[in-house]
């Protein structure tokens, strides 16, 4: 193994506006690469103890939790969402200038594959829910607000990256009778011995938060509160974007997903069959075309909350490699065929080069190094 090119690439990210990052790579649970570079807090060198808002990397934990609930028979992919969230029973769709009744019933599968027709994180329903419940909406109260507005399309008729996983987490709560934070802790985090992944960080964890930045008008500027309005609500568990954590905390979950559902400590969180269901592309026709418009997922399809590689010619990783990323640049890669897990953390919002250039390059340099 030779990872000097990878190290050199990471060390030069500061020249591209990434003040600091950390990357951990495991194979068969063994650490084969670990590098920290740049600064974490207020110009101080990264130590690995910093915490980061992981944003949409949260989806990997949420979907793992939902897959485990399905194994336990709590719900199935094809259950109507309205079975658990009654406000989703009589949904409407905006069709041009017309608002009409939805022609299809929204299912849990539609939510988990982003085919539910819900809008993105700029939806007016979010602020409406915050105001309605005076800053303390529960997960189910907030996601009920999403159902008040017309869908963008009939469930199953397209792909729209947005609030579907927020609603999926709420439906799982209702089906299982417990908050998402407790389900994730009981079914995934505690069995793997993970402590520093949380929807609601305590004072000590907040004190370890790495400096955060945003790219704007060609400059990278430090920001004080790098969160979406859904993050930080005390009663709300954001299944799509709400985790705070770090690379050391996330790698045990990535390890388990890359090794048949079994963690390094021997705990089983999922079956290999569930992982294969999770990473199976479920987009076709218009939905697949919509997914490809994201642009920076070249060669990938989308399964149950994760990208999944379909075209081997676009990547040095194998078909079936899967994972996701977050708005500030966090990134996870799982390769069940070669038992490889990789987690990158950084804290720069709105940096398109991270997704179009840096993530694919880091992925390919990992595989080059393995050879």
Protein backbone atom coordinates (compact mmCIF):
# COMPACT_ATOMS: atom_id res chain seq x y z
CA UNK A 1 0.00 0.00 0.00
CA UNK A 2 1.26 3.45 -0.89
CA UNK A 3 -0.77 6.53 0.01
CA UNK A 4 1.74 9.33 -0.53
CA UNK A 5 -0.30 10.81 -3.40
CA UNK A 6 -3.38 10.86 -1.18
CA UNK A 7 -1.49 12.58 1.63
CA UNK A 8 -0.08 15.16 -0.76
CA UNK A 9 -3.56 15.86 -2.13
CA UNK A 10 -5.07 16.34 1.33
CA UNK A 11 -2.20 18.57 2.42
CA UNK A 12 -2.83 20.86 -0.54
CA UNK A 13 -6.58 21.28 0.04
CA UNK A 14 -5.85 24.40 2.09
CA UNK A 15 -4.77 26.04 -1.17
CA UNK A 16 -8.32 25.39 -2.42
CA UNK A 17 -10.04 26.96 0.57
CA UNK A 18 -10.37 23.92 2.86
CA UNK A 19 -8.70 25.02 6.14
CA UNK A 20 -8.54 21.50 7.53
CA UNK A 21 -9.75 17.93 7.12
CA UNK A 22 -9.33 14.41 8.49
CA UNK A 23 -9.56 11.13 6.61
CA UNK A 24 -9.71 7.61 8.06
CA UNK A 25 -9.61 4.48 5.88
CA UNK A 26 -10.13 0.94 7.17
CA UNK A 27 -9.98 -2.45 5.48
CA UNK A 28 -11.33 -5.48 7.33
CA UNK A 29 -11.67 -3.20 10.39
CA UNK A 30 -7.92 -2.41 10.36
CA UNK A 31 -6.79 1.18 9.98
CA UNK A 32 -4.74 1.38 6.78
CA UNK A 33 -4.68 5.16 6.48
CA UNK A 34 -5.30 8.10 8.80
CA UNK A 35 -4.30 11.66 8.05
CA UNK A 36 -5.17 15.01 9.60
CA UNK A 37 -4.10 18.25 8.00
CA UNK A 38 -4.71 21.96 8.50
CA UNK A 39 -6.60 23.68 11.26
CA UNK A 40 -9.65 22.76 13.31
CA UNK A 41 -10.44 25.36 15.94
CA UNK A 42 -9.40 29.01 15.64
CA UNK A 43 -6.21 28.31 13.71
CA UNK A 44 -5.14 25.40 15.91
CA UNK A 45 -3.89 22.17 14.24
CA UNK A 46 -6.48 19.42 13.93
CA UNK A 47 -6.28 16.85 16.73
CA UNK A 48 -9.05 14.45 15.69
CA UNK A 49 -11.16 15.35 18.71
CA UNK A 50 -13.01 18.14 16.90
CA UNK A 51 -16.74 17.77 16.26
CA UNK A 52 -18.44 18.64 12.96
CA UNK A 53 -21.95 19.13 11.70
CA UNK A 54 -22.25 16.17 9.35
CA UNK A 55 -25.41 17.40 7.63
CA UNK A 56 -26.62 14.87 5.04
CA UNK A 57 -24.12 12.23 6.10
CA UNK A 58 -26.78 11.79 8.80
CA UNK A 59 -28.80 9.89 6.20
CA UNK A 60 -26.48 6.88 6.43
CA UNK A 61 -27.29 6.47 10.13
CA UNK A 62 -31.00 7.16 9.62
CA UNK A 63 -31.32 4.66 6.78
CA UNK A 64 -29.33 2.05 8.73
CA UNK A 65 -31.76 2.50 11.62
CA UNK A 66 -34.76 2.13 9.31
CA UNK A 67 -33.27 -0.96 7.67
CA UNK A 68 -32.90 -2.54 11.11
CA UNK A 69 -36.51 -1.67 11.96
CA UNK A 70 -37.60 -3.44 8.78
CA UNK A 71 -35.61 -6.50 9.78
CA UNK A 72 -37.52 -6.45 13.07
CA UNK A 73 -40.84 -6.29 11.21
CA UNK A 74 -41.77 -2.81 12.44
CA UNK A 75 -42.69 -1.65 8.92
CA UNK A 76 -42.10 -2.60 5.30
CA UNK A 77 -40.93 -0.64 2.29
CA UNK A 78 -44.34 -0.70 0.66
CA UNK A 79 -46.38 0.42 3.68
CA UNK A 80 -48.33 3.64 3.06
CA UNK A 81 -46.74 6.51 4.94
CA UNK A 82 -50.22 7.50 6.14
CA UNK A 83 -50.36 4.30 8.20
CA UNK A 84 -47.88 5.99 10.54
CA UNK A 85 -48.34 9.69 9.71
CA UNK A 86 -52.10 10.34 9.19
CA UNK A 87 -51.44 13.81 7.75
CA UNK A 88 -49.97 12.10 4.68
CA UNK A 89 -53.25 10.39 3.74
CA UNK A 90 -54.84 12.93 1.37
CA UNK A 91 -51.89 14.51 -0.38
CA UNK A 92 -52.10 17.00 -3.23
CA UNK A 93 -49.74 17.68 -6.12
CA UNK A 94 -48.92 20.93 -7.88
CA UNK A 95 -49.35 20.19 -11.60
CA UNK A 96 -48.52 23.37 -13.49
CA UNK A 97 -51.09 25.96 -12.40
CA UNK A 98 -53.37 23.24 -11.02
CA UNK A 99 -53.40 21.62 -7.59
CA UNK A 100 -54.94 18.16 -7.69
CA UNK A 101 -55.10 15.01 -5.60
CA UNK A 102 -52.06 12.73 -5.79
CA UNK A 103 -52.59 9.81 -8.17
CA UNK A 104 -50.39 7.42 -6.19
CA UNK A 105 -50.13 6.55 -2.51
CA UNK A 106 -46.88 7.64 -0.89
CA UNK A 107 -45.01 4.66 0.58
CA UNK A 108 -42.02 4.30 2.88
CA UNK A 109 -40.00 3.30 -0.18
CA UNK A 110 -40.85 6.59 -1.86
CA UNK A 111 -39.50 8.48 1.14
CA UNK A 112 -36.34 6.40 1.49
CA UNK A 113 -35.52 6.76 -2.22
CA UNK A 114 -36.32 10.50 -2.41
CA UNK A 115 -39.25 9.81 -4.74
CA UNK A 116 -41.94 11.20 -2.43
CA UNK A 117 -42.27 14.57 -4.12
CA UNK A 118 -41.42 16.59 -0.99
CA UNK A 119 -39.44 19.82 -1.53
CA UNK A 120 -35.94 20.76 -0.38
CA UNK A 121 -34.68 22.37 2.80
CA UNK A 122 -35.82 25.81 1.65
CA UNK A 123 -39.48 24.76 2.04
CA UNK A 124 -41.67 27.43 3.73
CA UNK A 125 -43.22 24.67 5.83
CA UNK A 126 -40.07 24.51 7.97
CA UNK A 127 -40.32 28.06 9.27
CA UNK A 128 -44.09 27.66 9.53
CA UNK A 129 -43.62 24.65 11.80
CA UNK A 130 -41.04 26.41 13.94
CA UNK A 131 -43.39 29.36 14.46
CA UNK A 132 -46.46 27.19 15.05
CA UNK A 133 -44.80 25.22 17.83
CA UNK A 134 -42.86 28.17 19.26
CA UNK A 135 -39.46 26.72 18.41
CA UNK A 136 -40.20 23.31 19.94
CA UNK A 137 -41.84 21.13 17.27
CA UNK A 138 -41.45 17.40 17.65
CA UNK A 139 -40.27 15.39 14.67
CA UNK A 140 -43.81 14.26 13.86
CA UNK A 141 -45.30 17.73 14.34
CA UNK A 142 -42.78 19.33 12.03
CA UNK A 143 -43.08 16.73 9.28
CA UNK A 144 -46.87 17.00 9.43
CA UNK A 145 -46.38 20.60 8.29
CA UNK A 146 -44.63 19.32 5.15
CA UNK A 147 -47.81 17.46 4.15
CA UNK A 148 -49.86 20.67 4.17
CA UNK A 149 -48.26 21.90 0.94
CA UNK A 150 -48.67 20.34 -2.52
CA UNK A 151 -46.10 17.77 -3.57
CA UNK A 152 -43.82 18.59 -6.48
CA UNK A 153 -44.90 15.41 -8.32
CA UNK A 154 -46.86 12.22 -7.74
CA UNK A 155 -44.97 9.82 -5.46
CA UNK A 156 -42.79 7.57 -7.59
CA UNK A 157 -42.82 9.86 -10.63
CA UNK A 158 -39.48 11.57 -10.04
CA UNK A 159 -36.52 12.17 -7.74
CA UNK A 160 -36.17 15.29 -5.57
CA UNK A 161 -33.41 15.48 -3.01
CA UNK A 162 -34.90 17.10 0.05
CA UNK A 163 -37.19 16.48 3.01
CA UNK A 164 -38.14 12.86 2.33
CA UNK A 165 -35.77 11.46 4.93
CA UNK A 166 -37.08 13.88 7.53
CA UNK A 167 -40.55 12.38 6.98
CA UNK A 168 -39.12 8.84 6.88
CA UNK A 169 -37.58 9.37 10.31
CA UNK A 170 -40.90 10.64 11.65
CA UNK A 171 -42.77 7.65 10.21
CA UNK A 172 -40.24 5.29 11.79
CA UNK A 173 -40.77 7.02 15.13
CA UNK A 174 -44.52 6.55 14.87
CA UNK A 175 -44.18 2.92 13.78
CA UNK A 176 -41.71 2.01 16.54
CA UNK A 177 -43.14 4.22 19.28
CA UNK A 178 -39.87 5.98 20.16
CA UNK A 179 -37.95 9.08 19.05
CA UNK A 180 -35.50 8.65 16.20
CA UNK A 181 -32.59 9.58 18.47
CA UNK A 182 -33.48 6.68 20.79
CA UNK A 183 -33.98 4.22 17.93
CA UNK A 184 -30.62 5.09 16.40
CA UNK A 185 -28.94 4.83 19.77
CA UNK A 186 -30.54 1.49 20.70
CA UNK A 187 -30.28 -0.25 17.33
CA UNK A 188 -27.06 1.10 15.83
CA UNK A 189 -24.89 3.36 17.99
CA UNK A 190 -24.84 1.52 21.32
CA UNK A 191 -24.26 -1.93 19.77
CA UNK A 192 -21.24 -0.52 17.91
CA UNK A 193 -19.97 1.35 20.96
CA UNK A 194 -20.34 4.77 19.30
CA UNK A 195 -20.64 7.78 21.60
CA UNK A 196 -19.78 10.93 19.66
CA UNK A 197 -22.56 10.84 17.07
CA UNK A 198 -25.57 12.78 18.28
CA UNK A 199 -28.66 14.66 17.10
CA UNK A 200 -28.48 16.86 20.20
CA UNK A 201 -24.93 17.65 21.31
CA UNK A 202 -24.24 18.48 24.93
CA UNK A 203 -22.22 21.45 26.15
CA UNK A 204 -18.92 19.56 26.00
CA UNK A 205 -19.53 18.37 22.44
CA UNK A 206 -20.51 21.87 21.33
CA UNK A 207 -17.30 23.13 22.90
CA UNK A 208 -15.33 20.82 20.62
CA UNK A 209 -17.02 22.09 17.44
CA UNK A 210 -14.52 22.83 14.70
CA UNK A 211 -14.46 26.26 13.14
CA UNK A 212 -16.91 26.35 10.24
CA UNK A 213 -16.68 28.19 6.94
CA UNK A 214 -18.70 29.07 3.88
CA UNK A 215 -17.57 29.78 0.34
CA UNK A 216 -19.15 32.96 -0.95
CA UNK A 217 -18.19 35.08 -3.95
CA UNK A 218 -14.95 33.20 -4.40
CA UNK A 219 -13.85 33.62 -0.79
CA UNK A 220 -13.97 31.26 2.19
CA UNK A 221 -15.24 33.05 5.29
CA UNK A 222 -15.72 31.77 8.83
CA UNK A 223 -19.32 31.48 9.99
CA UNK A 224 -20.63 31.26 13.53
CA UNK A 225 -23.69 29.06 13.12
CA UNK A 226 -23.34 26.71 10.13
CA UNK A 227 -26.69 25.00 10.63
CA UNK A 228 -29.96 24.59 8.80
CA UNK A 229 -33.03 25.90 10.61
CA UNK A 230 -34.08 22.28 11.31
CA UNK A 231 -30.88 21.64 13.27
CA UNK A 232 -30.73 22.57 16.93
CA UNK A 233 -34.47 22.35 17.62
CA UNK A 234 -34.63 20.66 21.05
CA UNK A 235 -37.51 18.26 20.32
CA UNK A 236 -36.77 17.62 16.65
CA UNK A 237 -34.54 14.81 15.33
CA UNK A 238 -33.44 15.69 11.81
CA UNK A 239 -33.06 12.32 10.10
CA UNK A 240 -31.71 13.97 6.99
CA UNK A 241 -29.19 16.46 8.32
CA UNK A 242 -29.01 16.68 12.11
CA UNK A 243 -25.95 14.75 13.28
CA UNK A 244 -22.90 16.20 14.94
CA UNK A 245 -19.86 13.93 15.14
CA UNK A 246 -16.38 13.24 13.85
CA UNK A 247 -14.48 10.74 11.75
CA UNK A 248 -13.49 8.52 14.66
CA UNK A 249 -17.15 8.25 15.72
CA UNK A 250 -18.48 7.54 12.24
CA UNK A 251 -15.92 4.97 11.09
CA UNK A 252 -17.37 2.12 13.24
CA UNK A 253 -20.70 2.50 11.41
CA UNK A 254 -18.94 2.61 8.03
CA UNK A 255 -16.94 -0.47 9.07
CA UNK A 256 -20.10 -2.41 9.88
CA UNK A 257 -21.72 -1.49 6.55
CA UNK A 258 -18.55 -2.53 4.71
CA UNK A 259 -18.31 -5.85 6.54
CA UNK A 260 -21.68 -7.51 6.18
CA UNK A 261 -23.42 -5.59 8.95
CA UNK A 262 -21.04 -6.66 11.73
CA UNK A 263 -18.99 -4.12 13.67
CA UNK A 264 -15.35 -4.47 14.70
CA UNK A 265 -16.59 -5.42 18.19
CA UNK A 266 -18.60 -8.34 16.77
CA UNK A 267 -22.01 -6.66 17.13
CA UNK A 268 -24.38 -7.24 14.23
CA UNK A 269 -26.50 -4.23 13.30
CA UNK A 270 -27.79 -5.42 9.89
CA UNK A 271 -27.76 -8.49 7.70
CA UNK A 272 -25.75 -8.52 4.47
CA UNK A 273 -29.09 -8.84 2.66
CA UNK A 274 -30.27 -5.53 4.14
CA UNK A 275 -27.05 -3.81 3.11
CA UNK A 276 -27.46 -5.12 -0.42
CA UNK A 277 -31.06 -3.86 -0.48
CA UNK A 278 -29.83 -0.50 0.76
CA UNK A 279 -27.18 -0.13 -1.98
CA UNK A 280 -29.31 -1.43 -4.85
CA UNK A 281 -30.13 1.36 -7.33
CA UNK A 282 -33.86 2.10 -7.22
CA UNK A 283 -34.02 4.92 -9.75
CA UNK A 284 -35.15 4.50 -13.34
CA UNK A 285 -36.74 6.57 -16.09
CA UNK A 286 -37.45 10.15 -15.05
CA UNK A 287 -36.32 9.53 -11.47
CA UNK A 288 -32.87 8.40 -12.62
CA UNK A 289 -32.67 11.35 -15.00
CA UNK A 290 -33.57 13.66 -12.11
CA UNK A 291 -30.88 12.08 -9.93
CA UNK A 292 -28.25 12.54 -12.60
CA UNK A 293 -29.01 16.26 -12.65
CA UNK A 294 -27.30 16.49 -9.28
CA UNK A 295 -24.17 16.46 -11.42
CA UNK A 296 -21.45 15.40 -9.00
CA UNK A 297 -22.59 11.77 -8.66
CA UNK A 298 -21.29 10.69 -12.07
CA UNK A 299 -21.61 6.94 -12.52
CA UNK A 300 -23.87 6.49 -9.51
CA UNK A 301 -27.48 5.59 -8.95
CA UNK A 302 -29.43 6.04 -5.73
CA UNK A 303 -30.72 3.33 -3.43
CA UNK A 304 -32.29 3.58 0.01
CA UNK A 305 -30.67 6.82 1.09
CA UNK A 306 -27.25 6.22 -0.42
CA UNK A 307 -25.43 6.65 -3.72
CA UNK A 308 -24.43 3.37 -5.31
CA UNK A 309 -21.85 2.97 -8.08
CA UNK A 310 -23.30 1.59 -11.31
CA UNK A 311 -20.67 2.53 -13.91
CA UNK A 312 -17.20 1.14 -13.21
CA UNK A 313 -15.62 3.32 -15.91
CA UNK A 314 -16.24 6.50 -13.89
CA UNK A 315 -14.46 5.41 -10.70
CA UNK A 316 -11.57 3.34 -9.40
CA UNK A 317 -13.92 1.87 -6.80
CA UNK A 318 -16.01 -1.18 -7.73
CA UNK A 319 -19.66 -1.36 -8.76
CA UNK A 320 -21.73 -1.42 -5.58
CA UNK A 321 -19.48 0.94 -3.61
CA UNK A 322 -21.90 3.17 -1.72
CA UNK A 323 -22.24 6.00 0.78
CA UNK A 324 -23.16 9.65 0.97
CA UNK A 325 -21.83 13.08 1.95
CA UNK A 326 -22.77 16.26 3.78
CA UNK A 327 -23.19 19.93 2.94
CA UNK A 328 -19.98 20.98 4.73
CA UNK A 329 -17.90 18.31 2.98
CA UNK A 330 -18.18 15.20 5.16
CA UNK A 331 -17.98 12.02 3.06
CA UNK A 332 -18.38 8.29 3.67
CA UNK A 333 -17.48 5.39 1.39
CA UNK A 334 -18.35 1.74 1.99
CA UNK A 335 -17.18 -1.13 -0.20
CA UNK A 336 -18.63 -4.48 0.98
CA UNK A 337 -16.79 -6.48 -1.69
CA UNK A 338 -13.36 -5.37 -0.49
CA UNK A 339 -14.38 -4.56 3.09
CA UNK A 340 -13.20 -0.95 2.78
CA UNK A 341 -14.62 1.92 4.82
CA UNK A 342 -13.54 5.55 4.54
CA UNK A 343 -14.73 8.69 6.35
CA UNK A 344 -13.69 12.26 5.61
CA UNK A 345 -14.67 15.27 7.73
CA UNK A 346 -14.27 18.98 7.02
CA UNK A 347 -16.37 22.10 7.66
CA UNK A 348 -16.81 24.26 4.55
CA UNK A 349 -20.32 24.93 3.25
CA UNK A 350 -21.25 25.79 -0.36
CA UNK A 351 -17.96 24.56 -1.81
CA UNK A 352 -18.93 22.87 -5.08
CA UNK A 353 -15.35 21.77 -5.79
CA UNK A 354 -15.59 19.51 -2.74
CA UNK A 355 -18.30 17.44 -4.41
CA UNK A 356 -17.29 17.68 -8.07
CA UNK A 357 -13.52 17.38 -7.63
CA UNK A 358 -12.22 16.59 -4.14
CA UNK A 359 -14.47 13.69 -3.13
CA UNK A 360 -14.02 11.74 -6.41
CA UNK A 361 -10.27 12.41 -6.36
CA UNK A 362 -9.90 11.24 -2.76
CA UNK A 363 -11.95 8.12 -3.55
CA UNK A 364 -9.75 7.25 -6.52
CA UNK A 365 -6.50 7.97 -4.64
CA UNK A 366 -7.63 5.60 -1.89
CA UNK A 367 -7.97 2.81 -4.45
CA UNK A 368 -4.70 3.75 -6.17
CA UNK A 369 -2.98 3.51 -2.79
CA UNK A 370 -4.44 0.07 -2.14
CA UNK A 371 -2.73 -1.24 -5.27
